[in-house]
Amino acid sequence: MIVVMAFLSIIIVGCNNASKEESKTEEVLSMSFEGNWQRTFQLGVDSLQYVYYNISADSIEYIMEGPLPLNYTMAVDTFVSKDNRIVATLNDVHYVIFIKHFNADSISLFKEQMDSRAEALARLFPADTVSGHFSSWYTYYPNKK
């Protein structure tokens, strides 16, 4: 009986470790949409706002130029290729970023601030119609800078 219990324990631990390894493999696959992306939009009368995402495997730089300037770099914590989900952090702030419809000419990106890494990993893929303050789908184009 003890031998059977020990054998079952080894099998269960082995299955759990295999699941963890599969998850880690999923998290480290390359992001084929790495690069420098930009969009421009009207922010009031005669006022343009520029937004840039410089995406690499280990960080995402976010830059806004225009009337509302902002610049910060998030560290990439996790990438899940199944739904093109990036979990990134800046200090103790967590973000989830989803990518869809990407090719050499454009990329659609959604970013949302989350309360925790677990919440970012659990966030459902946003609907095409989702709209919120700084949390909507936007299309970006290659930045030639």
N, C-alpha and C. Protein backbone atom coordinates (compact mmCIF):
# COMPACT_ATOMS: atom_id res chain seq x y z
N MET A 1 0.82 -1.19 0.00
CA MET A 1 0.00 0.00 0.00
C MET A 1 0.87 1.26 0.00
N ILE A 2 1.92 1.29 0.81
CA ILE A 2 2.81 2.44 0.88
C ILE A 2 3.51 2.64 -0.47
N VAL A 3 3.89 1.54 -1.11
CA VAL A 3 4.55 1.63 -2.41
C VAL A 3 3.60 2.23 -3.44
N VAL A 4 2.33 1.83 -3.42
CA VAL A 4 1.33 2.36 -4.35
C VAL A 4 1.15 3.85 -4.12
N MET A 5 1.04 4.28 -2.85
CA MET A 5 0.87 5.69 -2.52
C MET A 5 2.08 6.50 -2.98
N ALA A 6 3.26 5.97 -2.78
CA ALA A 6 4.48 6.67 -3.21
C ALA A 6 4.50 6.80 -4.73
N PHE A 7 4.11 5.74 -5.42
CA PHE A 7 4.07 5.76 -6.88
C PHE A 7 3.08 6.81 -7.38
N LEU A 8 1.89 6.84 -6.78
CA LEU A 8 0.88 7.83 -7.17
C LEU A 8 1.36 9.25 -6.89
N SER A 9 2.06 9.46 -5.79
CA SER A 9 2.60 10.79 -5.47
C SER A 9 3.59 11.24 -6.52
N ILE A 10 4.43 10.32 -6.98
CA ILE A 10 5.43 10.65 -8.00
C ILE A 10 4.72 11.04 -9.31
N ILE A 11 3.69 10.30 -9.66
CA ILE A 11 2.95 10.59 -10.89
C ILE A 11 2.27 11.96 -10.80
N ILE A 12 1.64 12.25 -9.67
CA ILE A 12 0.94 13.52 -9.49
C ILE A 12 1.93 14.68 -9.53
N VAL A 13 3.05 14.57 -8.84
CA VAL A 13 4.06 15.62 -8.84
C VAL A 13 4.61 15.80 -10.26
N GLY A 14 4.85 14.71 -10.95
CA GLY A 14 5.36 14.78 -12.32
C GLY A 14 4.38 15.49 -13.24
N CYS A 15 3.09 15.22 -13.11
CA CYS A 15 2.07 15.90 -13.93
C CYS A 15 2.02 17.38 -13.60
N ASN A 16 2.08 17.71 -12.33
CA ASN A 16 2.06 19.12 -11.94
C ASN A 16 3.28 19.85 -12.49
N ASN A 17 4.45 19.22 -12.41
CA ASN A 17 5.66 19.85 -12.94
C ASN A 17 5.58 20.01 -14.45
N ALA A 18 4.99 19.03 -15.16
CA ALA A 18 4.84 19.13 -16.61
C ALA A 18 3.94 20.30 -16.95
N SER A 19 2.87 20.50 -16.21
CA SER A 19 1.97 21.63 -16.45
C SER A 19 2.69 22.95 -16.24
N LYS A 20 3.50 23.02 -15.19
CA LYS A 20 4.26 24.25 -14.93
C LYS A 20 5.25 24.51 -16.05
N GLU A 21 5.90 23.47 -16.57
CA GLU A 21 6.86 23.64 -17.65
C GLU A 21 6.16 24.11 -18.92
N GLU A 22 4.95 23.55 -19.20
CA GLU A 22 4.20 23.99 -20.37
C GLU A 22 3.85 25.46 -20.24
N SER A 23 3.45 25.90 -19.05
CA SER A 23 3.11 27.30 -18.83
C SER A 23 4.32 28.19 -19.06
N LYS A 24 5.47 27.78 -18.54
CA LYS A 24 6.67 28.58 -18.71
C LYS A 24 7.04 28.67 -20.19
N THR A 25 6.90 27.56 -20.93
CA THR A 25 7.20 27.57 -22.35
C THR A 25 6.29 28.56 -23.05
N GLU A 26 5.01 28.55 -22.69
CA GLU A 26 4.05 29.47 -23.29
C GLU A 26 4.44 30.91 -23.03
N GLU A 27 4.99 31.19 -21.86
CA GLU A 27 5.30 32.56 -21.46
C GLU A 27 6.53 33.12 -22.15
N VAL A 28 7.42 32.30 -22.67
CA VAL A 28 8.68 32.83 -23.20
C VAL A 28 8.76 32.80 -24.72
N LEU A 29 7.70 32.42 -25.40
CA LEU A 29 7.73 32.45 -26.86
C LEU A 29 7.91 33.89 -27.33
N SER A 30 8.50 34.07 -28.49
CA SER A 30 8.80 35.42 -28.95
C SER A 30 7.54 36.16 -29.39
N MET A 31 7.63 37.47 -29.29
CA MET A 31 6.53 38.34 -29.69
C MET A 31 6.82 38.81 -31.12
N SER A 32 6.09 38.32 -32.08
CA SER A 32 6.38 38.64 -33.48
C SER A 32 5.99 40.07 -33.85
N PHE A 33 5.38 40.79 -32.95
CA PHE A 33 4.97 42.18 -33.21
C PHE A 33 5.92 43.18 -32.56
N GLU A 34 7.11 42.74 -32.18
CA GLU A 34 8.10 43.67 -31.62
C GLU A 34 8.41 44.75 -32.64
N GLY A 35 8.63 45.95 -32.14
CA GLY A 35 8.97 47.05 -33.03
C GLY A 35 8.49 48.37 -32.45
N ASN A 36 8.57 49.40 -33.26
CA ASN A 36 8.18 50.75 -32.86
C ASN A 36 6.90 51.13 -33.60
N TRP A 37 5.89 51.46 -32.83
CA TRP A 37 4.55 51.73 -33.36
C TRP A 37 4.09 53.12 -32.91
N GLN A 38 3.26 53.76 -33.73
CA GLN A 38 2.78 55.10 -33.39
C GLN A 38 1.34 55.31 -33.86
N ARG A 39 0.67 56.26 -33.23
CA ARG A 39 -0.62 56.74 -33.71
C ARG A 39 -0.70 58.22 -33.37
N THR A 40 -1.50 58.93 -34.13
CA THR A 40 -1.69 60.36 -33.94
C THR A 40 -3.18 60.61 -33.87
N PHE A 41 -3.60 61.48 -32.96
CA PHE A 41 -5.01 61.83 -32.90
C PHE A 41 -5.16 63.29 -32.49
N GLN A 42 -6.33 63.82 -32.80
CA GLN A 42 -6.67 65.21 -32.50
C GLN A 42 -7.04 65.32 -31.02
N LEU A 43 -6.40 66.23 -30.33
CA LEU A 43 -6.70 66.47 -28.92
C LEU A 43 -7.10 67.94 -28.78
N GLY A 44 -8.31 68.23 -29.16
CA GLY A 44 -8.77 69.61 -29.16
C GLY A 44 -8.51 70.25 -30.51
N VAL A 45 -8.88 71.50 -30.61
CA VAL A 45 -8.73 72.24 -31.86
C VAL A 45 -7.25 72.51 -32.14
N ASP A 46 -6.83 72.18 -33.34
CA ASP A 46 -5.45 72.43 -33.78
C ASP A 46 -4.39 71.87 -32.84
N SER A 47 -4.67 70.76 -32.21
CA SER A 47 -3.72 70.18 -31.27
C SER A 47 -3.62 68.67 -31.51
N LEU A 48 -2.44 68.22 -31.92
CA LEU A 48 -2.22 66.79 -32.17
C LEU A 48 -1.50 66.15 -30.99
N GLN A 49 -1.90 64.93 -30.70
CA GLN A 49 -1.27 64.12 -29.67
C GLN A 49 -0.65 62.92 -30.38
N TYR A 50 0.58 62.60 -30.05
CA TYR A 50 1.30 61.47 -30.63
C TYR A 50 1.53 60.43 -29.54
N VAL A 51 1.27 59.16 -29.87
CA VAL A 51 1.48 58.07 -28.93
C VAL A 51 2.38 57.04 -29.59
N TYR A 52 3.40 56.61 -28.86
CA TYR A 52 4.37 55.63 -29.37
C TYR A 52 4.46 54.45 -28.42
N TYR A 53 4.53 53.25 -28.99
CA TYR A 53 4.85 52.04 -28.25
C TYR A 53 6.10 51.45 -28.89
N ASN A 54 7.15 51.31 -28.12
CA ASN A 54 8.37 50.65 -28.57
C ASN A 54 8.43 49.31 -27.83
N ILE A 55 8.06 48.25 -28.54
CA ILE A 55 7.87 46.93 -27.94
C ILE A 55 9.09 46.06 -28.20
N SER A 56 9.67 45.54 -27.12
CA SER A 56 10.75 44.54 -27.23
C SER A 56 10.42 43.38 -26.30
N ALA A 57 11.22 42.35 -26.35
CA ALA A 57 10.95 41.14 -25.57
C ALA A 57 10.97 41.39 -24.07
N ASP A 58 11.75 42.36 -23.62
CA ASP A 58 11.87 42.56 -22.16
C ASP A 58 11.26 43.86 -21.64
N SER A 59 10.85 44.76 -22.55
CA SER A 59 10.27 46.02 -22.08
C SER A 59 9.38 46.65 -23.15
N ILE A 60 8.52 47.54 -22.67
CA ILE A 60 7.65 48.31 -23.56
C ILE A 60 7.75 49.77 -23.13
N GLU A 61 8.24 50.58 -24.04
CA GLU A 61 8.35 52.01 -23.77
C GLU A 61 7.09 52.68 -24.31
N TYR A 62 6.46 53.49 -23.47
CA TYR A 62 5.25 54.23 -23.82
C TYR A 62 5.57 55.72 -23.80
N ILE A 63 5.34 56.38 -24.93
CA ILE A 63 5.66 57.80 -25.03
C ILE A 63 4.45 58.54 -25.59
N MET A 64 4.09 59.64 -24.94
CA MET A 64 3.09 60.55 -25.47
C MET A 64 3.75 61.90 -25.67
N GLU A 65 3.57 62.47 -26.87
CA GLU A 65 4.10 63.80 -27.17
C GLU A 65 2.94 64.68 -27.62
N GLY A 66 2.98 65.92 -27.23
CA GLY A 66 1.91 66.86 -27.55
C GLY A 66 1.50 67.58 -26.29
N PRO A 67 0.25 68.03 -26.22
CA PRO A 67 -0.23 68.78 -25.06
C PRO A 67 -0.16 67.99 -23.74
N LEU A 68 -0.28 66.66 -23.83
CA LEU A 68 -0.20 65.81 -22.63
C LEU A 68 1.02 64.89 -22.74
N PRO A 69 2.22 65.40 -22.44
CA PRO A 69 3.42 64.56 -22.56
C PRO A 69 3.52 63.54 -21.42
N LEU A 70 4.04 62.38 -21.76
CA LEU A 70 4.21 61.31 -20.79
C LEU A 70 5.22 60.33 -21.36
N ASN A 71 6.04 59.73 -20.50
CA ASN A 71 7.03 58.78 -20.97
C ASN A 71 7.37 57.83 -19.83
N TYR A 72 7.20 56.53 -20.06
CA TYR A 72 7.61 55.53 -19.08
C TYR A 72 7.90 54.22 -19.77
N THR A 73 8.64 53.37 -19.10
CA THR A 73 8.99 52.06 -19.63
C THR A 73 8.52 50.98 -18.66
N MET A 74 7.74 50.04 -19.19
CA MET A 74 7.24 48.91 -18.41
C MET A 74 8.12 47.69 -18.67
N ALA A 75 8.37 46.91 -17.65
CA ALA A 75 9.11 45.66 -17.81
C ALA A 75 8.12 44.56 -18.20
N VAL A 76 8.46 43.79 -19.22
CA VAL A 76 7.61 42.67 -19.61
C VAL A 76 7.81 41.56 -18.59
N ASP A 77 6.74 41.17 -17.96
CA ASP A 77 6.75 40.10 -16.96
C ASP A 77 6.40 38.77 -17.61
N THR A 78 5.35 38.75 -18.42
CA THR A 78 4.84 37.51 -19.00
C THR A 78 4.27 37.79 -20.38
N PHE A 79 4.52 36.87 -21.29
CA PHE A 79 3.87 36.92 -22.60
C PHE A 79 3.16 35.59 -22.82
N VAL A 80 1.87 35.63 -23.13
CA VAL A 80 1.08 34.43 -23.41
C VAL A 80 0.69 34.49 -24.88
N SER A 81 1.30 33.63 -25.68
CA SER A 81 1.09 33.68 -27.13
C SER A 81 -0.32 33.27 -27.54
N LYS A 82 -0.97 32.48 -26.71
CA LYS A 82 -2.32 31.98 -27.04
C LYS A 82 -3.28 33.13 -27.36
N ASP A 83 -3.18 34.23 -26.63
CA ASP A 83 -4.06 35.38 -26.89
C ASP A 83 -3.28 36.69 -27.03
N ASN A 84 -1.99 36.57 -27.33
CA ASN A 84 -1.11 37.75 -27.47
C ASN A 84 -1.27 38.71 -26.30
N ARG A 85 -1.16 38.16 -25.12
CA ARG A 85 -1.31 38.91 -23.86
C ARG A 85 0.08 39.18 -23.29
N ILE A 86 0.30 40.44 -22.95
CA ILE A 86 1.53 40.82 -22.28
C ILE A 86 1.15 41.34 -20.90
N VAL A 87 1.80 40.81 -19.88
CA VAL A 87 1.66 41.37 -18.54
C VAL A 87 2.96 42.13 -18.28
N ALA A 88 2.80 43.41 -17.98
CA ALA A 88 3.97 44.27 -17.78
C ALA A 88 3.82 45.02 -16.47
N THR A 89 4.95 45.46 -15.93
CA THR A 89 4.92 46.18 -14.65
C THR A 89 5.78 47.44 -14.73
N LEU A 90 5.37 48.41 -13.95
CA LEU A 90 6.13 49.63 -13.75
C LEU A 90 6.04 49.92 -12.26
N ASN A 91 7.15 49.81 -11.57
CA ASN A 91 7.17 49.88 -10.10
C ASN A 91 6.22 48.80 -9.59
N ASP A 92 5.19 49.12 -8.85
CA ASP A 92 4.25 48.11 -8.38
C ASP A 92 2.93 48.15 -9.12
N VAL A 93 2.90 48.77 -10.29
CA VAL A 93 1.69 48.87 -11.09
C VAL A 93 1.75 47.81 -12.18
N HIS A 94 0.64 47.10 -12.37
CA HIS A 94 0.56 46.02 -13.36
C HIS A 94 -0.32 46.46 -14.52
N TYR A 95 0.06 46.03 -15.70
CA TYR A 95 -0.71 46.32 -16.91
C TYR A 95 -0.91 45.02 -17.67
N VAL A 96 -2.04 44.94 -18.37
CA VAL A 96 -2.24 43.87 -19.34
C VAL A 96 -2.39 44.55 -20.69
N ILE A 97 -1.69 44.01 -21.66
CA ILE A 97 -1.72 44.54 -23.01
C ILE A 97 -2.08 43.38 -23.94
N PHE A 98 -3.09 43.59 -24.77
CA PHE A 98 -3.47 42.60 -25.77
C PHE A 98 -3.14 43.16 -27.15
N ILE A 99 -2.69 42.28 -28.03
CA ILE A 99 -2.37 42.63 -29.39
C ILE A 99 -3.25 41.80 -30.32
N LYS A 100 -3.82 42.46 -31.33
CA LYS A 100 -4.56 41.72 -32.36
C LYS A 100 -4.32 42.40 -33.70
N HIS A 101 -4.68 41.74 -34.77
CA HIS A 101 -4.58 42.28 -36.12
C HIS A 101 -3.24 42.96 -36.37
N PHE A 102 -2.17 42.22 -36.24
CA PHE A 102 -0.87 42.82 -36.48
C PHE A 102 -0.23 42.26 -37.74
N ASN A 103 0.44 43.14 -38.45
CA ASN A 103 1.25 42.78 -39.60
C ASN A 103 2.30 43.88 -39.78
N ALA A 104 2.98 43.90 -40.87
CA ALA A 104 4.04 44.91 -41.06
C ALA A 104 3.49 46.33 -41.17
N ASP A 105 2.20 46.46 -41.51
CA ASP A 105 1.61 47.78 -41.74
C ASP A 105 0.87 48.37 -40.54
N SER A 106 0.39 47.53 -39.62
CA SER A 106 -0.37 48.07 -38.49
C SER A 106 -0.51 47.02 -37.38
N ILE A 107 -0.92 47.52 -36.23
CA ILE A 107 -1.12 46.67 -35.06
C ILE A 107 -2.28 47.28 -34.27
N SER A 108 -3.16 46.43 -33.75
CA SER A 108 -4.22 46.89 -32.86
C SER A 108 -3.83 46.49 -31.44
N LEU A 109 -3.89 47.45 -30.54
CA LEU A 109 -3.38 47.26 -29.19
C LEU A 109 -4.38 47.76 -28.16
N PHE A 110 -4.53 47.03 -27.07
CA PHE A 110 -5.38 47.39 -25.95
C PHE A 110 -4.53 47.31 -24.69
N LYS A 111 -4.55 48.35 -23.87
CA LYS A 111 -3.78 48.34 -22.61
C LYS A 111 -4.71 48.74 -21.47
N GLU A 112 -4.58 48.03 -20.34
CA GLU A 112 -5.40 48.35 -19.17
C GLU A 112 -4.57 48.17 -17.90
N GLN A 113 -4.70 49.09 -16.98
CA GLN A 113 -4.03 48.97 -15.69
C GLN A 113 -4.81 47.98 -14.83
N MET A 114 -4.10 47.11 -14.14
CA MET A 114 -4.72 46.07 -13.32
C MET A 114 -4.21 46.19 -11.89
N ASP A 115 -4.93 45.58 -10.95
CA ASP A 115 -4.54 45.64 -9.55
C ASP A 115 -3.43 44.65 -9.19
N SER A 116 -3.29 43.58 -10.00
CA SER A 116 -2.28 42.57 -9.68
C SER A 116 -1.91 41.79 -10.93
N ARG A 117 -0.82 41.05 -10.85
CA ARG A 117 -0.40 40.17 -11.94
C ARG A 117 -1.46 39.11 -12.19
N ALA A 118 -2.00 38.55 -11.12
CA ALA A 118 -3.03 37.50 -11.24
C ALA A 118 -4.26 38.05 -11.98
N GLU A 119 -4.65 39.27 -11.66
CA GLU A 119 -5.80 39.88 -12.33
C GLU A 119 -5.48 40.10 -13.82
N ALA A 120 -4.27 40.50 -14.12
CA ALA A 120 -3.87 40.71 -15.52
C ALA A 120 -3.89 39.38 -16.28
N LEU A 121 -3.48 38.31 -15.65
CA LEU A 121 -3.49 37.00 -16.30
C LEU A 121 -4.90 36.45 -16.47
N ALA A 122 -5.82 36.86 -15.60
CA ALA A 122 -7.20 36.37 -15.64
C ALA A 122 -8.11 37.23 -16.53
N ARG A 123 -7.66 38.40 -16.93
CA ARG A 123 -8.48 39.33 -17.72
C ARG A 123 -8.91 38.66 -19.02
N LEU A 124 -10.21 38.70 -19.30
CA LEU A 124 -10.72 38.14 -20.55
C LEU A 124 -10.28 39.02 -21.72
N PHE A 125 -10.13 38.41 -22.87
CA PHE A 125 -9.77 39.16 -24.07
C PHE A 125 -10.86 40.19 -24.34
N PRO A 126 -10.50 41.47 -24.49
CA PRO A 126 -11.51 42.52 -24.62
C PRO A 126 -12.30 42.43 -25.93
N ALA A 127 -13.57 42.77 -25.84
CA ALA A 127 -14.42 42.83 -27.03
C ALA A 127 -13.95 43.96 -27.93
N ASP A 128 -14.27 43.86 -29.20
CA ASP A 128 -13.88 44.91 -30.16
C ASP A 128 -14.48 46.26 -29.80
N THR A 129 -15.60 46.27 -29.11
CA THR A 129 -16.31 47.51 -28.81
C THR A 129 -15.98 48.10 -27.45
N VAL A 130 -15.07 47.48 -26.70
CA VAL A 130 -14.74 47.98 -25.37
C VAL A 130 -14.17 49.40 -25.49
N SER A 131 -14.60 50.25 -24.58
CA SER A 131 -14.16 51.63 -24.60
C SER A 131 -14.07 52.14 -23.18
N GLY A 132 -12.97 52.75 -22.85
CA GLY A 132 -12.78 53.28 -21.51
C GLY A 132 -11.70 54.33 -21.51
N HIS A 133 -11.47 54.91 -20.37
CA HIS A 133 -10.44 55.93 -20.22
C HIS A 133 -9.07 55.29 -20.36
N PHE A 134 -8.40 55.50 -21.49
CA PHE A 134 -7.10 54.92 -21.82
C PHE A 134 -7.15 53.40 -21.98
N SER A 135 -8.34 52.81 -22.05
CA SER A 135 -8.45 51.36 -22.23
C SER A 135 -9.41 51.05 -23.36
N SER A 136 -8.95 51.23 -24.57
CA SER A 136 -9.72 50.94 -25.77
C SER A 136 -8.77 50.34 -26.80
N TRP A 137 -9.34 49.73 -27.83
CA TRP A 137 -8.52 49.25 -28.94
C TRP A 137 -8.12 50.44 -29.81
N TYR A 138 -6.84 50.54 -30.11
CA TYR A 138 -6.34 51.59 -31.00
C TYR A 138 -5.41 50.94 -32.02
N THR A 139 -5.38 51.51 -33.20
CA THR A 139 -4.51 51.01 -34.26
C THR A 139 -3.27 51.89 -34.34
N TYR A 140 -2.12 51.23 -34.41
CA TYR A 140 -0.83 51.91 -34.49
C TYR A 140 -0.15 51.50 -35.79
N TYR A 141 0.72 52.36 -36.26
CA TYR A 141 1.42 52.14 -37.53
C TYR A 141 2.92 52.19 -37.27
N PRO A 142 3.72 51.62 -38.18
CA PRO A 142 5.17 51.61 -37.96
C PRO A 142 5.69 53.03 -37.76
N ASN A 143 6.57 53.17 -36.77
CA ASN A 143 7.20 54.45 -36.48
C ASN A 143 8.54 54.45 -37.20
N LYS A 144 8.73 55.37 -38.08
CA LYS A 144 9.95 55.43 -38.88
C LYS A 144 11.07 56.20 -38.20
N LYS A 145 10.84 56.71 -36.98
CA LYS A 145 11.87 57.49 -36.26
C LYS A 145 13.07 56.65 -35.95
